[in-house]
Amino acid sequence: DLSGMQLVRDTACILQDGLGLHLSEINDLTWMSERVKLFELDFASSSRADIPSVQTFKLQALETGTVHAAVASWEVWGDEERDLVISNHVEDVRGEPWAVLRNGHWAPVVQVLEDVDESQNSKALPKPLQVVKGEQLLLHVRHSQARNSIQFAVEKERAESS
């Protein structure tokens, strides 16, 4: 239950300093969509310019409920076959004795979300994003010009009018 997170003012910046939020410690964490790959880089040949500045992905809600946050994690391979991997995916560190250390240094990115449509149409406090299983969603991803920060927004896909 992340309902107490509504007190956070800057939803694009939740710091995980080893003492705060550890998603791998939340036993009833429910993923509300499939994981999507935002981008892929080869550190030997890629540059920051290879990361798109703006992206939109179509998602489908896997469950009915509240989408509290967007979570971004990564994986790095040490060989071309991708057999040697290190990641910070929540499921890869859950239950491991070293998880607190990994989370303190390489924690997944967590951004609290709100109902974008409700927020634009109201001067009230942000409203939680409520979804229904099977509902089509749009994930909007924005990277800073330097490509060193990221921001997420999720909204319900609107039906095309005929």
N, C-alpha and C. Protein backbone atom coordinates (compact mmCIF):
# COMPACT_ATOMS: atom_id res chain seq x y z
N ASP A 1 0.84 -1.18 0.00
CA ASP A 1 0.00 0.00 0.00
C ASP A 1 0.88 1.24 0.00
N LEU A 2 0.86 1.96 -1.09
CA LEU A 2 1.67 3.18 -1.21
C LEU A 2 0.83 4.44 -1.07
N SER A 3 -0.36 4.35 -0.45
CA SER A 3 -1.25 5.50 -0.36
C SER A 3 -0.62 6.67 0.39
N GLY A 4 0.29 6.42 1.32
CA GLY A 4 0.96 7.50 2.05
C GLY A 4 1.93 8.29 1.19
N MET A 5 2.22 7.79 0.00
CA MET A 5 3.16 8.48 -0.89
C MET A 5 2.57 9.75 -1.47
N GLN A 6 1.27 9.98 -1.29
CA GLN A 6 0.65 11.19 -1.84
C GLN A 6 1.24 12.45 -1.23
N LEU A 7 1.99 12.31 -0.17
CA LEU A 7 2.60 13.46 0.47
C LEU A 7 3.84 13.95 -0.26
N VAL A 8 4.34 13.16 -1.21
CA VAL A 8 5.53 13.53 -1.96
C VAL A 8 5.16 14.62 -2.97
N ARG A 9 5.89 15.72 -2.94
CA ARG A 9 5.57 16.83 -3.84
C ARG A 9 6.20 16.67 -5.21
N ASP A 10 7.46 16.31 -5.28
CA ASP A 10 8.15 16.18 -6.56
C ASP A 10 8.15 14.71 -6.95
N THR A 11 7.15 14.30 -7.71
CA THR A 11 7.00 12.89 -8.01
C THR A 11 8.06 12.37 -8.95
N ALA A 12 8.84 13.22 -9.54
CA ALA A 12 9.89 12.77 -10.45
C ALA A 12 11.19 12.50 -9.71
N CYS A 13 11.22 12.67 -8.39
CA CYS A 13 12.48 12.53 -7.67
C CYS A 13 12.28 11.89 -6.30
N ILE A 14 12.27 10.57 -6.26
CA ILE A 14 12.25 9.86 -4.98
C ILE A 14 13.62 9.22 -4.84
N LEU A 15 14.36 9.62 -3.85
CA LEU A 15 15.70 9.11 -3.67
C LEU A 15 15.68 7.85 -2.82
N GLN A 16 16.46 6.89 -3.20
CA GLN A 16 16.60 5.65 -2.43
C GLN A 16 18.02 5.65 -1.88
N ASP A 17 18.18 6.00 -0.65
CA ASP A 17 19.50 6.19 -0.06
C ASP A 17 19.94 5.02 0.80
N GLY A 18 19.34 3.87 0.62
CA GLY A 18 19.68 2.73 1.45
C GLY A 18 18.81 2.65 2.70
N LEU A 19 18.14 3.73 3.04
CA LEU A 19 17.30 3.75 4.24
C LEU A 19 15.82 3.83 3.89
N GLY A 20 15.51 4.16 2.65
CA GLY A 20 14.13 4.41 2.27
C GLY A 20 13.44 3.23 1.62
N LEU A 21 12.74 3.49 0.56
CA LEU A 21 11.90 2.54 -0.15
C LEU A 21 12.73 1.46 -0.85
N HIS A 22 12.44 0.20 -0.55
CA HIS A 22 13.08 -0.93 -1.22
C HIS A 22 11.97 -1.81 -1.79
N LEU A 23 11.76 -1.73 -3.09
CA LEU A 23 10.67 -2.50 -3.70
C LEU A 23 10.82 -4.00 -3.48
N SER A 24 12.05 -4.47 -3.40
CA SER A 24 12.25 -5.91 -3.22
C SER A 24 11.82 -6.38 -1.83
N GLU A 25 11.54 -5.45 -0.93
CA GLU A 25 11.07 -5.80 0.41
C GLU A 25 9.54 -5.81 0.51
N ILE A 26 8.87 -5.37 -0.54
CA ILE A 26 7.40 -5.32 -0.53
C ILE A 26 6.88 -6.65 -1.05
N ASN A 27 6.33 -7.45 -0.14
CA ASN A 27 5.91 -8.81 -0.50
C ASN A 27 4.65 -8.87 -1.35
N ASP A 28 3.78 -7.87 -1.24
CA ASP A 28 2.54 -7.91 -2.01
C ASP A 28 2.58 -6.95 -3.21
N LEU A 29 3.76 -6.68 -3.71
CA LEU A 29 3.93 -5.82 -4.89
C LEU A 29 3.25 -6.48 -6.09
N THR A 30 2.43 -5.73 -6.80
CA THR A 30 1.72 -6.24 -7.96
C THR A 30 2.14 -5.46 -9.19
N TRP A 31 2.66 -6.15 -10.18
CA TRP A 31 3.01 -5.49 -11.44
C TRP A 31 1.74 -5.28 -12.23
N MET A 32 1.52 -4.05 -12.67
CA MET A 32 0.28 -3.70 -13.35
C MET A 32 0.40 -3.77 -14.87
N SER A 33 1.62 -4.01 -15.40
CA SER A 33 1.81 -4.21 -16.83
C SER A 33 3.04 -5.08 -17.04
N GLU A 34 3.21 -5.53 -18.26
CA GLU A 34 4.43 -6.24 -18.62
C GLU A 34 5.58 -5.23 -18.64
N ARG A 35 6.80 -5.72 -18.46
CA ARG A 35 7.98 -4.86 -18.58
C ARG A 35 8.20 -4.51 -20.05
N VAL A 36 8.59 -3.27 -20.31
CA VAL A 36 8.94 -2.84 -21.67
C VAL A 36 10.39 -2.35 -21.67
N LYS A 37 11.06 -2.58 -22.78
CA LYS A 37 12.43 -2.11 -22.93
C LYS A 37 12.39 -0.67 -23.45
N LEU A 38 12.94 0.26 -22.67
CA LEU A 38 12.95 1.66 -23.07
C LEU A 38 14.00 1.93 -24.14
N PHE A 39 15.18 1.36 -23.97
CA PHE A 39 16.24 1.50 -24.96
C PHE A 39 17.33 0.50 -24.67
N GLU A 40 18.23 0.34 -25.63
CA GLU A 40 19.37 -0.55 -25.47
C GLU A 40 20.61 0.17 -25.97
N LEU A 41 21.69 0.08 -25.22
CA LEU A 41 22.94 0.74 -25.57
C LEU A 41 24.08 -0.25 -25.57
N ASP A 42 25.03 -0.03 -26.45
CA ASP A 42 26.31 -0.74 -26.42
C ASP A 42 27.32 0.29 -25.95
N PHE A 43 27.85 0.09 -24.74
CA PHE A 43 28.76 1.08 -24.16
C PHE A 43 30.02 1.28 -25.01
N ALA A 44 30.32 0.34 -25.89
CA ALA A 44 31.50 0.48 -26.74
C ALA A 44 31.24 1.38 -27.94
N SER A 45 29.98 1.49 -28.36
CA SER A 45 29.71 2.24 -29.59
C SER A 45 28.58 3.26 -29.50
N SER A 46 27.79 3.25 -28.45
CA SER A 46 26.63 4.14 -28.34
C SER A 46 27.01 5.45 -27.65
N SER A 47 26.15 6.44 -27.84
CA SER A 47 26.32 7.71 -27.15
C SER A 47 24.98 8.12 -26.55
N ARG A 48 25.00 9.18 -25.77
CA ARG A 48 23.74 9.66 -25.16
C ARG A 48 22.70 10.00 -26.21
N ALA A 49 23.15 10.45 -27.36
CA ALA A 49 22.23 10.83 -28.44
C ALA A 49 21.42 9.63 -28.94
N ASP A 50 21.89 8.41 -28.67
CA ASP A 50 21.17 7.21 -29.08
C ASP A 50 19.95 6.93 -28.20
N ILE A 51 19.83 7.62 -27.09
CA ILE A 51 18.66 7.48 -26.22
C ILE A 51 17.60 8.46 -26.70
N PRO A 52 16.43 8.00 -27.08
CA PRO A 52 15.38 8.92 -27.57
C PRO A 52 14.99 9.92 -26.48
N SER A 53 14.69 11.15 -26.89
CA SER A 53 14.30 12.16 -25.89
C SER A 53 12.87 11.94 -25.41
N VAL A 54 12.00 11.46 -26.29
CA VAL A 54 10.59 11.22 -25.94
C VAL A 54 10.16 9.89 -26.56
N GLN A 55 9.45 9.10 -25.77
CA GLN A 55 8.95 7.81 -26.25
C GLN A 55 7.54 7.59 -25.70
N THR A 56 6.75 6.84 -26.44
CA THR A 56 5.43 6.42 -25.96
C THR A 56 5.28 4.93 -26.25
N PHE A 57 4.84 4.19 -25.24
CA PHE A 57 4.64 2.75 -25.36
C PHE A 57 3.19 2.43 -25.03
N LYS A 58 2.61 1.48 -25.77
CA LYS A 58 1.27 0.98 -25.46
C LYS A 58 1.40 -0.16 -24.48
N LEU A 59 0.62 -0.11 -23.42
CA LEU A 59 0.61 -1.14 -22.39
C LEU A 59 -0.81 -1.64 -22.20
N GLN A 60 -0.93 -2.78 -21.55
CA GLN A 60 -2.24 -3.30 -21.17
C GLN A 60 -2.21 -3.59 -19.67
N ALA A 61 -3.23 -3.13 -18.96
CA ALA A 61 -3.31 -3.37 -17.52
C ALA A 61 -3.48 -4.87 -17.27
N LEU A 62 -2.59 -5.42 -16.43
CA LEU A 62 -2.65 -6.84 -16.10
C LEU A 62 -3.63 -7.13 -14.97
N GLU A 63 -3.94 -6.11 -14.19
CA GLU A 63 -4.81 -6.25 -13.02
C GLU A 63 -5.73 -5.04 -12.92
N THR A 64 -6.79 -5.16 -12.14
CA THR A 64 -7.64 -4.02 -11.80
C THR A 64 -7.11 -3.44 -10.50
N GLY A 65 -6.98 -2.12 -10.45
CA GLY A 65 -6.50 -1.49 -9.23
C GLY A 65 -5.85 -0.15 -9.49
N THR A 66 -5.03 0.27 -8.53
CA THR A 66 -4.36 1.56 -8.60
C THR A 66 -2.94 1.38 -9.10
N VAL A 67 -2.56 2.20 -10.08
CA VAL A 67 -1.17 2.24 -10.54
C VAL A 67 -0.50 3.32 -9.70
N HIS A 68 0.29 2.90 -8.72
CA HIS A 68 0.91 3.84 -7.79
C HIS A 68 2.16 4.48 -8.36
N ALA A 69 2.93 3.74 -9.14
CA ALA A 69 4.23 4.25 -9.57
C ALA A 69 4.71 3.56 -10.83
N ALA A 70 5.63 4.23 -11.51
CA ALA A 70 6.38 3.62 -12.61
C ALA A 70 7.72 3.18 -12.02
N VAL A 71 8.18 2.02 -12.43
CA VAL A 71 9.44 1.47 -11.94
C VAL A 71 10.31 1.18 -13.16
N ALA A 72 11.54 1.69 -13.14
CA ALA A 72 12.48 1.43 -14.23
C ALA A 72 13.72 0.74 -13.64
N SER A 73 14.12 -0.33 -14.27
CA SER A 73 15.32 -1.06 -13.85
C SER A 73 16.16 -1.32 -15.10
N TRP A 74 17.31 -1.91 -14.90
CA TRP A 74 18.22 -2.13 -16.03
C TRP A 74 18.94 -3.46 -15.88
N GLU A 75 19.54 -3.87 -16.97
CA GLU A 75 20.42 -5.02 -16.94
C GLU A 75 21.59 -4.75 -17.87
N VAL A 76 22.76 -5.27 -17.49
CA VAL A 76 24.00 -5.09 -18.24
C VAL A 76 24.58 -6.46 -18.48
N TRP A 77 25.07 -6.69 -19.71
CA TRP A 77 25.66 -7.98 -20.04
C TRP A 77 27.17 -7.84 -20.19
N GLY A 78 27.88 -8.87 -19.79
CA GLY A 78 29.33 -8.87 -19.88
C GLY A 78 29.86 -9.66 -21.05
N ASP A 79 28.97 -10.19 -21.89
CA ASP A 79 29.41 -10.95 -23.05
C ASP A 79 28.36 -10.83 -24.15
N GLU A 80 28.77 -11.12 -25.37
CA GLU A 80 27.86 -11.00 -26.51
C GLU A 80 26.70 -11.99 -26.45
N GLU A 81 26.91 -13.13 -25.80
CA GLU A 81 25.86 -14.14 -25.70
C GLU A 81 24.82 -13.77 -24.63
N ARG A 82 25.13 -12.77 -23.84
CA ARG A 82 24.26 -12.30 -22.76
C ARG A 82 24.04 -13.36 -21.70
N ASP A 83 25.09 -14.11 -21.42
CA ASP A 83 25.06 -15.10 -20.34
C ASP A 83 25.48 -14.48 -19.01
N LEU A 84 26.41 -13.53 -19.06
CA LEU A 84 26.90 -12.85 -17.86
C LEU A 84 26.09 -11.56 -17.70
N VAL A 85 25.20 -11.56 -16.72
CA VAL A 85 24.28 -10.43 -16.57
C VAL A 85 24.26 -9.94 -15.13
N ILE A 86 24.14 -8.64 -14.98
CA ILE A 86 23.86 -8.04 -13.68
C ILE A 86 22.67 -7.11 -13.91
N SER A 87 21.74 -7.11 -12.97
CA SER A 87 20.55 -6.27 -13.13
C SER A 87 20.12 -5.74 -11.78
N ASN A 88 19.22 -4.78 -11.83
CA ASN A 88 18.60 -4.31 -10.60
C ASN A 88 17.09 -4.52 -10.64
N HIS A 89 16.64 -5.50 -11.43
CA HIS A 89 15.22 -5.85 -11.45
C HIS A 89 14.81 -6.33 -10.06
N VAL A 90 13.65 -5.89 -9.62
CA VAL A 90 13.16 -6.22 -8.28
C VAL A 90 13.17 -7.72 -8.03
N GLU A 91 12.69 -8.51 -8.99
CA GLU A 91 12.61 -9.96 -8.78
C GLU A 91 13.99 -10.62 -8.73
N ASP A 92 15.02 -9.97 -9.26
CA ASP A 92 16.36 -10.54 -9.23
C ASP A 92 17.06 -10.35 -7.89
N VAL A 93 16.62 -9.39 -7.10
CA VAL A 93 17.28 -9.14 -5.81
C VAL A 93 16.42 -9.57 -4.62
N ARG A 94 15.14 -9.84 -4.84
CA ARG A 94 14.24 -10.20 -3.74
C ARG A 94 14.75 -11.43 -2.99
N GLY A 95 14.85 -11.28 -1.67
CA GLY A 95 15.25 -12.38 -0.81
C GLY A 95 16.75 -12.62 -0.74
N GLU A 96 17.53 -11.89 -1.50
CA GLU A 96 18.98 -12.08 -1.48
C GLU A 96 19.58 -11.34 -0.28
N PRO A 97 20.59 -11.93 0.39
CA PRO A 97 21.18 -11.27 1.56
C PRO A 97 21.88 -9.95 1.21
N TRP A 98 22.26 -9.78 -0.04
CA TRP A 98 22.95 -8.56 -0.47
C TRP A 98 21.99 -7.53 -1.08
N ALA A 99 20.69 -7.79 -1.04
CA ALA A 99 19.71 -6.92 -1.70
C ALA A 99 19.75 -5.49 -1.17
N VAL A 100 19.89 -5.31 0.13
CA VAL A 100 19.91 -3.95 0.70
C VAL A 100 21.09 -3.17 0.15
N LEU A 101 22.23 -3.84 0.01
CA LEU A 101 23.41 -3.16 -0.55
C LEU A 101 23.18 -2.80 -2.01
N ARG A 102 22.63 -3.72 -2.79
CA ARG A 102 22.37 -3.44 -4.20
C ARG A 102 21.35 -2.31 -4.33
N ASN A 103 20.27 -2.39 -3.54
CA ASN A 103 19.24 -1.35 -3.61
C ASN A 103 19.79 0.01 -3.20
N GLY A 104 20.69 0.03 -2.24
CA GLY A 104 21.26 1.29 -1.79
C GLY A 104 22.14 1.95 -2.83
N HIS A 105 22.71 1.16 -3.71
CA HIS A 105 23.62 1.72 -4.71
C HIS A 105 23.00 1.76 -6.10
N TRP A 106 22.29 0.70 -6.49
CA TRP A 106 21.73 0.58 -7.84
C TRP A 106 20.24 0.30 -7.78
N ALA A 107 19.52 1.08 -7.05
CA ALA A 107 18.09 0.84 -6.90
C ALA A 107 17.34 1.13 -8.21
N PRO A 108 16.22 0.45 -8.43
CA PRO A 108 15.37 0.81 -9.57
C PRO A 108 14.87 2.25 -9.41
N VAL A 109 14.57 2.88 -10.53
CA VAL A 109 13.98 4.22 -10.51
C VAL A 109 12.50 4.05 -10.19
N VAL A 110 11.99 4.85 -9.27
CA VAL A 110 10.58 4.80 -8.89
C VAL A 110 10.02 6.21 -9.01
N GLN A 111 8.95 6.36 -9.77
CA GLN A 111 8.27 7.65 -9.86
C GLN A 111 6.80 7.45 -9.55
N VAL A 112 6.32 8.14 -8.55
CA VAL A 112 4.90 8.10 -8.20
C VAL A 112 4.11 8.68 -9.36
N LEU A 113 2.98 8.04 -9.67
CA LEU A 113 2.14 8.48 -10.79
C LEU A 113 0.81 9.01 -10.29
N GLU A 114 0.18 9.79 -11.14
CA GLU A 114 -1.15 10.29 -10.86
C GLU A 114 -1.99 10.12 -12.11
N ASP A 115 -3.27 10.30 -11.99
CA ASP A 115 -4.16 10.25 -13.14
C ASP A 115 -3.98 11.55 -13.92
N VAL A 116 -3.27 11.47 -15.03
CA VAL A 116 -2.91 12.66 -15.82
C VAL A 116 -4.16 13.41 -16.26
N ASP A 117 -5.18 12.70 -16.73
CA ASP A 117 -6.40 13.35 -17.20
C ASP A 117 -7.10 14.09 -16.07
N GLU A 118 -7.20 13.46 -14.90
CA GLU A 118 -7.85 14.09 -13.75
C GLU A 118 -7.06 15.33 -13.30
N SER A 119 -5.76 15.25 -13.34
CA SER A 119 -4.91 16.36 -12.88
C SER A 119 -5.04 17.57 -13.79
N GLN A 120 -5.20 17.34 -15.09
CA GLN A 120 -5.32 18.44 -16.04
C GLN A 120 -6.69 19.10 -15.98
N ASN A 121 -7.68 18.35 -15.53
CA ASN A 121 -9.05 18.85 -15.52
C ASN A 121 -9.50 19.37 -14.17
N SER A 122 -8.59 19.48 -13.22
CA SER A 122 -8.99 19.82 -11.87
C SER A 122 -7.89 20.60 -11.16
N LYS A 123 -8.29 21.44 -10.23
CA LYS A 123 -7.32 22.14 -9.39
C LYS A 123 -7.17 21.45 -8.04
N ALA A 124 -7.81 20.29 -7.92
CA ALA A 124 -7.74 19.52 -6.67
C ALA A 124 -6.41 18.78 -6.59
N LEU A 125 -6.19 18.11 -5.48
CA LEU A 125 -4.99 17.30 -5.30
C LEU A 125 -4.94 16.21 -6.36
N PRO A 126 -3.74 15.71 -6.69
CA PRO A 126 -3.64 14.63 -7.67
C PRO A 126 -4.48 13.43 -7.27
N LYS A 127 -5.06 12.79 -8.27
CA LYS A 127 -5.89 11.61 -8.05
C LYS A 127 -5.10 10.37 -8.48
N PRO A 128 -5.28 9.26 -7.76
CA PRO A 128 -4.61 8.02 -8.16
C PRO A 128 -5.11 7.54 -9.51
N LEU A 129 -4.23 6.87 -10.24
CA LEU A 129 -4.60 6.30 -11.54
C LEU A 129 -5.23 4.93 -11.32
N GLN A 130 -6.54 4.84 -11.54
CA GLN A 130 -7.30 3.60 -11.39
C GLN A 130 -7.44 2.95 -12.76
N VAL A 131 -7.13 1.65 -12.85
CA VAL A 131 -7.23 0.95 -14.12
C VAL A 131 -8.04 -0.33 -13.94
N VAL A 132 -8.51 -0.85 -15.07
CA VAL A 132 -9.25 -2.10 -15.10
C VAL A 132 -8.44 -3.10 -15.92
N LYS A 133 -8.40 -4.34 -15.46
CA LYS A 133 -7.66 -5.38 -16.17
C LYS A 133 -8.03 -5.39 -17.64
N GLY A 134 -7.02 -5.39 -18.51
CA GLY A 134 -7.24 -5.39 -19.96
C GLY A 134 -7.30 -4.01 -20.57
N GLU A 135 -7.41 -2.98 -19.74
CA GLU A 135 -7.49 -1.61 -20.25
C GLU A 135 -6.18 -1.22 -20.94
N GLN A 136 -6.31 -0.47 -22.04
CA GLN A 136 -5.15 -0.03 -22.80
C GLN A 136 -4.61 1.27 -22.19
N LEU A 137 -3.29 1.30 -22.00
CA LEU A 137 -2.64 2.45 -21.37
C LEU A 137 -1.51 2.95 -22.26
N LEU A 138 -1.13 4.19 -22.07
CA LEU A 138 0.03 4.76 -22.76
C LEU A 138 1.06 5.19 -21.73
N LEU A 139 2.27 4.72 -21.89
CA LEU A 139 3.39 5.12 -21.04
C LEU A 139 4.20 6.14 -21.83
N HIS A 140 4.29 7.35 -21.30
CA HIS A 140 5.09 8.41 -21.92
C HIS A 140 6.39 8.53 -21.13
N VAL A 141 7.50 8.51 -21.84
CA VAL A 141 8.83 8.58 -21.23
C VAL A 141 9.54 9.79 -21.82
N ARG A 142 10.08 10.62 -20.93
CA ARG A 142 10.84 11.79 -21.36
C ARG A 142 12.21 11.76 -20.70
N HIS A 143 13.24 11.90 -21.51
CA HIS A 143 14.61 11.97 -21.01
C HIS A 143 15.08 13.41 -21.09
N SER A 144 15.88 13.82 -20.13
CA SER A 144 16.43 15.18 -20.17
C SER A 144 17.37 15.31 -21.36
N GLN A 145 17.70 16.56 -21.70
CA GLN A 145 18.58 16.80 -22.84
C GLN A 145 19.93 16.09 -22.67
N ALA A 146 20.45 16.07 -21.44
CA ALA A 146 21.72 15.40 -21.17
C ALA A 146 21.54 13.89 -21.05
N ARG A 147 20.29 13.40 -21.07
CA ARG A 147 19.95 11.98 -20.94
C ARG A 147 20.39 11.40 -19.60
N ASN A 148 20.41 12.23 -18.56
CA ASN A 148 20.79 11.74 -17.24
C ASN A 148 19.63 11.75 -16.25
N SER A 149 18.44 12.08 -16.70
CA SER A 149 17.25 11.95 -15.86
C SER A 149 16.08 11.55 -16.75
N ILE A 150 15.06 11.00 -16.10
CA ILE A 150 13.93 10.41 -16.83
C ILE A 150 12.63 10.75 -16.09
N GLN A 151 11.57 10.91 -16.85
CA GLN A 151 10.27 11.21 -16.25
C GLN A 151 9.22 10.36 -16.95
N PHE A 152 8.26 9.85 -16.16
CA PHE A 152 7.21 8.99 -16.68
C PHE A 152 5.83 9.61 -16.47
N ALA A 153 4.93 9.30 -17.38
CA ALA A 153 3.50 9.60 -17.22
C ALA A 153 2.75 8.43 -17.84
N VAL A 154 1.68 8.01 -17.20
CA VAL A 154 0.84 6.94 -17.73
C VAL A 154 -0.58 7.48 -17.83
N GLU A 155 -1.20 7.23 -18.95
CA GLU A 155 -2.59 7.64 -19.12
C GLU A 155 -3.37 6.54 -19.82
N LYS A 156 -4.67 6.60 -19.67
CA LYS A 156 -5.53 5.66 -20.34
C LYS A 156 -5.60 6.05 -21.82
N GLU A 157 -5.52 5.02 -22.68
CA GLU A 157 -5.59 5.29 -24.12
C GLU A 157 -7.02 5.67 -24.46
N ARG A 158 -7.17 6.76 -25.16
CA ARG A 158 -8.50 7.21 -25.57
C ARG A 158 -8.93 6.51 -26.84
N ALA A 159 -10.19 6.14 -26.92
CA ALA A 159 -10.73 5.51 -28.12
C ALA A 159 -10.77 6.55 -29.22
N GLU A 160 -10.39 6.13 -30.42
CA GLU A 160 -10.44 7.02 -31.59
C GLU A 160 -11.91 7.28 -31.93
N SER A 161 -12.23 8.56 -32.16
CA SER A 161 -13.61 8.87 -32.54
C SER A 161 -13.76 8.69 -34.03
N SER A 162 -14.92 8.14 -34.44
CA SER A 162 -15.13 7.84 -35.85
C SER A 162 -15.64 9.03 -36.59
